[in-house]
């Protein structure tokens, strides 16, 4: 009988300590997307070829940030003021890991706007600037604005 009581207490204790384990973070799974606050540039801001885009952003997550990607590509929709000369479309992509353990970080980048692409004058016009932010759990947030390379003709 004494062995039965001791065995029962051992089982109850094991179950109690197992259910109080914090290894699974109370069984919760991070499903919340991280947050992107783009301070600079502003939507439809114009940049001349040969100038720099000042990119300034704040990233945050409820648990832990993972990585980010900046991408710039043409937003051409067929309404471009192109001359008869051949021109090159600009594509920019940069991916970076965020220091482990951070829930908040600030980035400030200077991105050079080229004057030529593959030896051809850069296509002037509208471009999409996108930021992709992923947290450690794999949740992704995206933020896009449109910028103008060249003079903004407001149309």
N, C-alpha and C. Protein backbone atom coordinates (compact mmCIF):
# COMPACT_ATOMS: atom_id res chain seq x y z
N UNK A 1 0.83 -1.19 0.00
CA UNK A 1 0.00 0.00 0.00
C UNK A 1 0.88 1.26 0.00
N UNK A 2 1.97 1.20 0.79
CA UNK A 2 2.87 2.34 0.89
C UNK A 2 3.51 2.62 -0.48
N UNK A 3 3.88 1.56 -1.22
CA UNK A 3 4.46 1.73 -2.55
C UNK A 3 3.44 2.37 -3.50
N UNK A 4 2.17 2.01 -3.37
CA UNK A 4 1.10 2.56 -4.20
C UNK A 4 0.95 4.05 -3.96
N UNK A 5 0.98 4.49 -2.72
CA UNK A 5 0.84 5.91 -2.38
C UNK A 5 2.04 6.70 -2.91
N UNK A 6 3.24 6.18 -2.74
CA UNK A 6 4.45 6.86 -3.21
C UNK A 6 4.44 6.97 -4.73
N UNK A 7 4.05 5.89 -5.40
CA UNK A 7 3.98 5.91 -6.87
C UNK A 7 2.94 6.91 -7.34
N UNK A 8 1.79 6.98 -6.66
CA UNK A 8 0.74 7.92 -7.03
C UNK A 8 1.21 9.36 -6.85
N UNK A 9 1.90 9.64 -5.74
CA UNK A 9 2.42 10.98 -5.50
C UNK A 9 3.46 11.37 -6.55
N UNK A 10 4.29 10.41 -6.95
CA UNK A 10 5.30 10.68 -7.96
C UNK A 10 4.66 11.03 -9.30
N UNK A 11 3.60 10.30 -9.66
CA UNK A 11 2.91 10.57 -10.92
C UNK A 11 2.23 11.93 -10.89
N UNK A 12 1.54 12.24 -9.79
CA UNK A 12 0.86 13.53 -9.66
C UNK A 12 1.88 14.67 -9.71
N UNK A 13 3.02 14.50 -9.04
CA UNK A 13 4.07 15.53 -9.05
C UNK A 13 4.63 15.73 -10.45
N UNK A 14 4.86 14.65 -11.16
CA UNK A 14 5.40 14.74 -12.51
C UNK A 14 4.44 15.48 -13.43
N UNK A 15 3.16 15.17 -13.32
CA UNK A 15 2.15 15.83 -14.14
C UNK A 15 2.07 17.31 -13.79
N UNK A 16 2.11 17.64 -12.51
CA UNK A 16 2.03 19.03 -12.06
C UNK A 16 3.22 19.83 -12.57
N UNK A 17 4.43 19.31 -12.42
CA UNK A 17 5.62 20.03 -12.87
C UNK A 17 5.67 20.13 -14.39
N UNK A 18 5.20 19.11 -15.08
CA UNK A 18 5.18 19.14 -16.54
C UNK A 18 4.22 20.22 -17.04
N UNK A 19 3.07 20.36 -16.44
CA UNK A 19 2.09 21.34 -16.89
C UNK A 19 2.51 22.77 -16.55
N UNK A 20 3.42 22.94 -15.62
CA UNK A 20 3.89 24.28 -15.25
C UNK A 20 5.14 24.69 -16.03
N UNK A 21 5.58 23.84 -16.92
CA UNK A 21 6.78 24.14 -17.68
C UNK A 21 6.59 25.40 -18.52
N UNK A 22 7.61 26.26 -18.54
CA UNK A 22 7.52 27.49 -19.34
C UNK A 22 8.25 27.34 -20.66
N UNK A 23 8.70 26.13 -21.00
CA UNK A 23 9.43 25.92 -22.24
C UNK A 23 8.61 26.25 -23.47
N UNK A 24 7.30 26.08 -23.40
CA UNK A 24 6.47 26.33 -24.56
C UNK A 24 5.83 27.71 -24.53
N UNK A 25 6.31 28.58 -23.65
CA UNK A 25 5.80 29.95 -23.54
C UNK A 25 4.28 29.94 -23.39
N UNK A 26 3.82 29.09 -22.47
CA UNK A 26 2.39 28.94 -22.18
C UNK A 26 1.59 28.48 -23.39
N UNK A 27 2.24 27.77 -24.30
CA UNK A 27 1.55 27.22 -25.44
C UNK A 27 1.20 28.24 -26.51
N UNK A 28 1.60 29.49 -26.34
CA UNK A 28 1.25 30.51 -27.33
C UNK A 28 2.23 30.48 -28.50
N UNK A 29 1.70 30.76 -29.65
CA UNK A 29 2.50 30.82 -30.87
C UNK A 29 2.43 32.26 -31.38
N UNK A 30 3.57 32.80 -31.78
CA UNK A 30 3.62 34.17 -32.28
C UNK A 30 2.99 34.23 -33.67
N UNK A 31 1.84 34.84 -33.77
CA UNK A 31 1.16 35.01 -35.06
C UNK A 31 1.01 36.48 -35.43
N UNK A 32 1.55 37.36 -34.59
CA UNK A 32 1.42 38.81 -34.82
C UNK A 32 2.51 39.29 -35.76
N UNK A 33 2.11 40.02 -36.80
CA UNK A 33 3.07 40.54 -37.77
C UNK A 33 3.88 41.68 -37.14
N UNK A 34 5.14 41.81 -37.57
CA UNK A 34 5.94 42.95 -37.10
C UNK A 34 5.40 44.25 -37.69
N UNK A 35 5.91 45.38 -37.18
CA UNK A 35 5.42 46.70 -37.59
C UNK A 35 6.55 47.49 -38.25
N UNK A 36 6.21 48.13 -39.38
CA UNK A 36 7.15 48.99 -40.11
C UNK A 36 6.64 50.42 -40.05
N UNK A 37 7.49 51.34 -39.60
CA UNK A 37 7.18 52.77 -39.67
C UNK A 37 8.25 53.39 -40.57
N UNK A 38 7.83 53.79 -41.76
CA UNK A 38 8.76 54.40 -42.72
C UNK A 38 8.73 55.91 -42.53
N UNK A 39 9.83 56.45 -42.02
CA UNK A 39 9.93 57.89 -41.78
C UNK A 39 10.36 58.66 -43.03
N UNK A 40 11.20 58.03 -43.82
CA UNK A 40 11.75 58.67 -45.01
C UNK A 40 12.17 57.60 -45.99
N UNK A 41 11.92 57.70 -47.27
CA UNK A 41 11.34 58.81 -47.99
C UNK A 41 9.82 58.81 -47.88
N UNK A 42 9.22 59.86 -48.42
CA UNK A 42 7.77 59.96 -48.42
C UNK A 42 7.23 59.47 -49.77
N UNK A 43 5.96 59.12 -49.78
CA UNK A 43 5.31 58.64 -50.99
C UNK A 43 5.39 59.71 -52.08
N UNK A 44 5.79 59.30 -53.28
CA UNK A 44 5.92 60.14 -54.47
C UNK A 44 7.07 61.15 -54.39
N UNK A 45 8.00 60.95 -53.48
CA UNK A 45 9.17 61.83 -53.42
C UNK A 45 10.04 61.57 -54.65
N UNK A 46 10.61 62.64 -55.21
CA UNK A 46 11.42 62.54 -56.43
C UNK A 46 12.91 62.57 -56.11
N UNK A 47 13.67 61.77 -56.87
CA UNK A 47 15.13 61.68 -56.72
C UNK A 47 15.76 61.74 -58.11
N UNK A 48 16.72 62.62 -58.28
CA UNK A 48 17.40 62.72 -59.56
C UNK A 48 18.42 61.60 -59.70
N UNK A 49 18.65 61.11 -60.92
CA UNK A 49 19.73 60.14 -61.12
C UNK A 49 21.04 60.72 -60.60
N UNK A 50 21.80 59.91 -59.90
CA UNK A 50 23.06 60.35 -59.30
C UNK A 50 22.91 60.85 -57.88
N UNK A 51 21.68 60.99 -57.39
CA UNK A 51 21.46 61.44 -56.01
C UNK A 51 21.33 60.22 -55.08
N UNK A 52 20.96 60.46 -53.84
CA UNK A 52 20.79 59.39 -52.85
C UNK A 52 19.38 59.39 -52.29
N UNK A 53 18.88 58.20 -52.02
CA UNK A 53 17.62 58.04 -51.29
C UNK A 53 18.01 57.84 -49.83
N UNK A 54 17.49 58.69 -48.96
CA UNK A 54 17.71 58.52 -47.52
C UNK A 54 16.54 57.70 -47.00
N UNK A 55 16.84 56.46 -46.61
CA UNK A 55 15.80 55.58 -46.10
C UNK A 55 15.94 55.53 -44.59
N UNK A 56 14.87 55.86 -43.88
CA UNK A 56 14.88 55.90 -42.42
C UNK A 56 13.60 55.20 -41.94
N UNK A 57 13.76 54.14 -41.14
CA UNK A 57 12.59 53.37 -40.72
C UNK A 57 12.79 52.82 -39.32
N UNK A 58 11.66 52.58 -38.64
CA UNK A 58 11.64 51.93 -37.34
C UNK A 58 10.88 50.62 -37.47
N UNK A 59 11.47 49.54 -36.92
CA UNK A 59 10.85 48.22 -36.95
C UNK A 59 10.57 47.78 -35.52
N UNK A 60 9.44 47.09 -35.32
CA UNK A 60 9.14 46.55 -33.99
C UNK A 60 8.36 45.25 -34.13
N UNK A 61 8.44 44.43 -33.08
CA UNK A 61 7.70 43.17 -33.02
C UNK A 61 7.37 42.87 -31.58
N UNK A 62 6.31 42.13 -31.36
CA UNK A 62 5.89 41.81 -30.00
C UNK A 62 6.80 40.77 -29.34
N UNK A 63 7.55 39.97 -30.12
CA UNK A 63 8.42 38.94 -29.55
C UNK A 63 9.88 39.17 -29.95
N UNK A 64 10.20 39.01 -31.24
CA UNK A 64 11.58 39.19 -31.69
C UNK A 64 11.62 39.40 -33.20
N UNK A 65 12.39 40.39 -33.63
CA UNK A 65 12.58 40.66 -35.05
C UNK A 65 13.52 39.63 -35.67
N UNK A 66 13.42 39.45 -36.98
CA UNK A 66 14.27 38.47 -37.66
C UNK A 66 15.14 39.09 -38.74
N UNK A 67 14.53 39.56 -39.83
CA UNK A 67 15.30 40.12 -40.95
C UNK A 67 14.43 41.11 -41.72
N UNK A 68 15.10 41.87 -42.60
CA UNK A 68 14.36 42.78 -43.46
C UNK A 68 14.99 42.82 -44.84
N UNK A 69 14.17 43.19 -45.81
CA UNK A 69 14.63 43.34 -47.19
C UNK A 69 14.10 44.66 -47.73
N UNK A 70 14.96 45.37 -48.44
CA UNK A 70 14.57 46.60 -49.14
C UNK A 70 14.64 46.29 -50.63
N UNK A 71 13.60 46.65 -51.35
CA UNK A 71 13.58 46.40 -52.79
C UNK A 71 13.04 47.62 -53.52
N UNK A 72 13.71 47.98 -54.60
CA UNK A 72 13.25 49.07 -55.46
C UNK A 72 13.19 48.52 -56.88
N UNK A 73 12.05 48.69 -57.54
CA UNK A 73 11.90 48.23 -58.92
C UNK A 73 10.95 49.16 -59.68
N UNK A 74 11.04 49.10 -60.98
CA UNK A 74 10.23 49.98 -61.83
C UNK A 74 8.74 49.72 -61.63
N UNK A 75 7.97 50.79 -61.65
CA UNK A 75 6.51 50.69 -61.56
C UNK A 75 5.91 51.04 -62.91
N UNK A 76 6.67 50.81 -63.98
CA UNK A 76 6.24 51.19 -65.33
C UNK A 76 4.91 50.56 -65.68
N UNK A 77 4.02 51.40 -66.17
CA UNK A 77 2.70 50.92 -66.60
C UNK A 77 2.44 51.28 -68.05
N UNK A 78 3.52 51.58 -68.77
CA UNK A 78 3.37 51.96 -70.16
C UNK A 78 3.21 53.46 -70.37
N UNK A 79 3.06 54.24 -69.29
CA UNK A 79 2.91 55.69 -69.39
C UNK A 79 4.22 56.35 -69.00
N UNK A 80 5.20 56.20 -69.84
CA UNK A 80 6.52 56.77 -69.58
C UNK A 80 6.87 57.76 -70.69
N UNK A 81 7.64 58.76 -70.36
CA UNK A 81 8.08 59.75 -71.34
C UNK A 81 9.47 59.35 -71.82
N UNK A 82 9.55 58.28 -72.59
CA UNK A 82 10.83 57.78 -73.08
C UNK A 82 11.13 58.37 -74.45
N UNK A 83 12.39 58.62 -74.66
CA UNK A 83 12.82 59.05 -75.98
C UNK A 83 13.07 57.83 -76.85
N UNK A 84 13.66 58.05 -77.99
CA UNK A 84 13.93 56.95 -78.91
C UNK A 84 15.14 56.14 -78.46
N UNK A 85 15.91 56.65 -77.50
CA UNK A 85 17.11 55.96 -77.04
C UNK A 85 16.75 54.81 -76.10
N UNK A 86 17.59 53.79 -76.11
CA UNK A 86 17.42 52.67 -75.19
C UNK A 86 17.74 53.14 -73.77
N UNK A 87 17.01 52.61 -72.80
CA UNK A 87 17.23 52.97 -71.40
C UNK A 87 17.20 51.71 -70.55
N UNK A 88 17.76 51.80 -69.34
CA UNK A 88 17.83 50.64 -68.45
C UNK A 88 16.98 50.80 -67.21
N UNK A 89 16.21 49.76 -66.88
CA UNK A 89 15.39 49.80 -65.67
C UNK A 89 16.26 49.44 -64.47
N UNK A 90 16.10 50.19 -63.41
CA UNK A 90 16.86 50.00 -62.19
C UNK A 90 16.15 49.00 -61.29
N UNK A 91 16.92 48.09 -60.72
CA UNK A 91 16.42 47.15 -59.72
C UNK A 91 17.42 47.12 -58.57
N UNK A 92 16.94 47.30 -57.35
CA UNK A 92 17.79 47.30 -56.16
C UNK A 92 17.19 46.33 -55.14
N UNK A 93 18.04 45.52 -54.52
CA UNK A 93 17.58 44.61 -53.48
C UNK A 93 18.68 44.42 -52.45
N UNK A 94 18.30 44.49 -51.18
CA UNK A 94 19.24 44.32 -50.07
C UNK A 94 18.51 43.60 -48.94
N UNK A 95 19.13 42.53 -48.42
CA UNK A 95 18.54 41.76 -47.32
C UNK A 95 19.52 41.75 -46.15
N UNK A 96 19.00 41.97 -44.93
CA UNK A 96 19.84 42.00 -43.73
C UNK A 96 19.17 41.27 -42.58
N UNK A 97 19.98 40.58 -41.79
CA UNK A 97 19.51 39.98 -40.54
C UNK A 97 19.52 41.06 -39.46
N UNK A 98 18.59 40.94 -38.53
CA UNK A 98 18.52 41.86 -37.40
C UNK A 98 19.14 41.17 -36.20
N UNK A 99 19.91 41.91 -35.43
CA UNK A 99 20.58 41.37 -34.25
C UNK A 99 19.61 40.56 -33.39
N UNK A 100 20.05 39.38 -32.97
CA UNK A 100 19.20 38.47 -32.19
C UNK A 100 18.71 39.12 -30.90
N UNK A 101 17.46 38.83 -30.56
CA UNK A 101 16.89 39.28 -29.30
C UNK A 101 16.21 40.64 -29.34
N UNK A 102 16.32 41.36 -30.46
CA UNK A 102 15.74 42.71 -30.52
C UNK A 102 14.25 42.67 -30.85
N UNK A 103 13.50 43.50 -30.15
CA UNK A 103 12.08 43.69 -30.47
C UNK A 103 11.85 45.02 -31.18
N UNK A 104 12.83 45.92 -31.11
CA UNK A 104 12.75 47.23 -31.77
C UNK A 104 14.12 47.55 -32.36
N UNK A 105 14.11 48.16 -33.54
CA UNK A 105 15.36 48.63 -34.13
C UNK A 105 15.07 49.76 -35.09
N UNK A 106 16.10 50.52 -35.38
CA UNK A 106 16.01 51.67 -36.28
C UNK A 106 17.04 51.46 -37.39
N UNK A 107 16.64 51.72 -38.63
CA UNK A 107 17.61 51.64 -39.73
C UNK A 107 17.67 52.98 -40.45
N UNK A 108 18.85 53.30 -40.92
CA UNK A 108 19.07 54.51 -41.72
C UNK A 108 20.04 54.12 -42.82
N UNK A 109 19.60 54.22 -44.05
CA UNK A 109 20.40 53.81 -45.21
C UNK A 109 20.49 54.95 -46.21
N UNK A 110 21.58 54.98 -46.94
CA UNK A 110 21.76 55.89 -48.07
C UNK A 110 21.88 55.01 -49.30
N UNK A 111 20.90 55.08 -50.18
CA UNK A 111 20.87 54.24 -51.38
C UNK A 111 21.14 55.13 -52.58
N UNK A 112 22.23 54.84 -53.28
CA UNK A 112 22.61 55.64 -54.45
C UNK A 112 21.68 55.34 -55.63
N UNK A 113 21.16 56.39 -56.24
CA UNK A 113 20.35 56.25 -57.46
C UNK A 113 21.33 56.32 -58.63
N UNK A 114 21.44 55.26 -59.41
CA UNK A 114 22.43 55.26 -60.49
C UNK A 114 22.02 56.19 -61.64
N UNK A 115 22.99 56.58 -62.43
CA UNK A 115 22.71 57.35 -63.64
C UNK A 115 22.57 56.42 -64.84
N UNK A 116 23.22 55.25 -64.74
CA UNK A 116 23.13 54.25 -65.81
C UNK A 116 22.87 52.87 -65.22
N UNK A 117 22.26 52.01 -66.03
CA UNK A 117 22.04 50.61 -65.67
C UNK A 117 22.52 49.78 -66.86
N UNK A 118 23.50 48.94 -66.62
CA UNK A 118 24.09 48.11 -67.69
C UNK A 118 24.57 48.97 -68.86
N UNK A 119 25.13 50.13 -68.54
CA UNK A 119 25.67 51.02 -69.57
C UNK A 119 24.64 51.87 -70.28
N UNK A 120 23.37 51.73 -69.91
CA UNK A 120 22.30 52.52 -70.52
C UNK A 120 21.79 53.55 -69.53
N UNK A 121 21.29 54.70 -70.01
CA UNK A 121 20.71 55.69 -69.08
C UNK A 121 19.56 55.05 -68.29
N UNK A 122 19.47 55.40 -67.02
CA UNK A 122 18.42 54.84 -66.16
C UNK A 122 17.04 55.26 -66.67
N UNK A 123 16.08 54.37 -66.56
CA UNK A 123 14.70 54.70 -66.88
C UNK A 123 14.21 55.67 -65.82
N UNK A 124 13.84 56.86 -66.23
CA UNK A 124 13.26 57.81 -65.30
C UNK A 124 11.77 57.57 -65.23
N UNK A 125 11.21 57.74 -64.06
CA UNK A 125 9.78 57.53 -63.89
C UNK A 125 9.48 56.99 -62.51
N UNK A 126 8.35 56.33 -62.40
CA UNK A 126 7.87 55.84 -61.11
C UNK A 126 8.48 54.48 -60.78
N UNK A 127 8.87 54.34 -59.52
CA UNK A 127 9.43 53.10 -58.99
C UNK A 127 8.72 52.76 -57.69
N UNK A 128 8.63 51.47 -57.42
CA UNK A 128 8.10 51.01 -56.13
C UNK A 128 9.28 50.80 -55.18
N UNK A 129 9.16 51.31 -53.97
CA UNK A 129 10.12 51.04 -52.91
C UNK A 129 9.38 50.20 -51.88
N UNK A 130 9.86 48.98 -51.67
CA UNK A 130 9.20 48.07 -50.75
C UNK A 130 10.11 47.65 -49.62
N UNK A 131 9.53 47.52 -48.44
CA UNK A 131 10.25 46.98 -47.28
C UNK A 131 9.49 45.74 -46.82
N UNK A 132 10.21 44.65 -46.67
CA UNK A 132 9.65 43.39 -46.19
C UNK A 132 10.31 43.11 -44.84
N UNK A 133 9.52 42.98 -43.78
CA UNK A 133 10.04 42.75 -42.43
C UNK A 133 9.50 41.43 -41.92
N UNK A 134 10.40 40.55 -41.48
CA UNK A 134 10.02 39.23 -40.98
C UNK A 134 10.48 39.10 -39.54
N UNK A 135 9.60 38.55 -38.69
CA UNK A 135 10.00 38.30 -37.31
C UNK A 135 10.57 36.89 -37.19
N UNK A 136 11.08 36.53 -36.02
CA UNK A 136 11.70 35.22 -35.80
C UNK A 136 10.74 34.07 -36.06
N UNK A 137 9.44 34.29 -35.85
CA UNK A 137 8.45 33.23 -36.06
C UNK A 137 8.06 33.08 -37.53
N UNK A 138 8.55 33.98 -38.39
CA UNK A 138 8.25 33.90 -39.81
C UNK A 138 7.09 34.77 -40.27
N UNK A 139 6.50 35.54 -39.38
CA UNK A 139 5.43 36.47 -39.77
C UNK A 139 6.05 37.62 -40.56
N UNK A 140 5.41 38.00 -41.67
CA UNK A 140 5.98 39.04 -42.52
C UNK A 140 5.02 40.21 -42.70
N UNK A 141 5.58 41.40 -42.66
CA UNK A 141 4.85 42.63 -42.96
C UNK A 141 5.51 43.28 -44.17
N UNK A 142 4.72 43.90 -45.03
CA UNK A 142 5.25 44.60 -46.19
C UNK A 142 4.74 46.04 -46.18
N UNK A 143 5.60 46.93 -46.66
CA UNK A 143 5.20 48.34 -46.78
C UNK A 143 5.77 48.87 -48.09
N UNK A 144 4.91 49.40 -48.95
CA UNK A 144 5.33 49.92 -50.24
C UNK A 144 4.95 51.38 -50.39
N UNK A 145 5.84 52.14 -51.02
CA UNK A 145 5.52 53.49 -51.46
C UNK A 145 5.99 53.61 -52.90
N UNK A 146 5.58 54.67 -53.55
CA UNK A 146 6.04 54.94 -54.90
C UNK A 146 6.96 56.15 -54.84
N UNK A 147 8.12 56.02 -55.49
CA UNK A 147 9.05 57.14 -55.60
C UNK A 147 9.22 57.45 -57.08
N UNK A 148 9.79 58.60 -57.37
CA UNK A 148 10.01 59.02 -58.75
C UNK A 148 11.50 59.21 -58.95
N UNK A 149 12.04 58.59 -59.99
CA UNK A 149 13.42 58.83 -60.39
C UNK A 149 13.37 59.80 -61.55
N UNK A 150 13.97 60.97 -61.36
CA UNK A 150 13.89 62.04 -62.34
C UNK A 150 12.99 63.13 -61.80
N UNK A 151 12.54 63.99 -62.68
CA UNK A 151 11.65 65.07 -62.26
C UNK A 151 10.23 64.55 -62.17
N UNK A 152 9.52 64.91 -61.11
CA UNK A 152 8.13 64.50 -60.93
C UNK A 152 7.23 65.39 -61.77
N UNK A 153 6.53 64.78 -62.74
CA UNK A 153 5.65 65.55 -63.62
C UNK A 153 4.22 65.61 -63.10
N UNK A 154 3.96 65.04 -61.91
CA UNK A 154 2.64 65.05 -61.27
C UNK A 154 1.53 64.55 -62.19
N UNK A 155 1.77 63.45 -62.85
CA UNK A 155 0.69 62.82 -63.61
C UNK A 155 1.00 61.39 -63.72
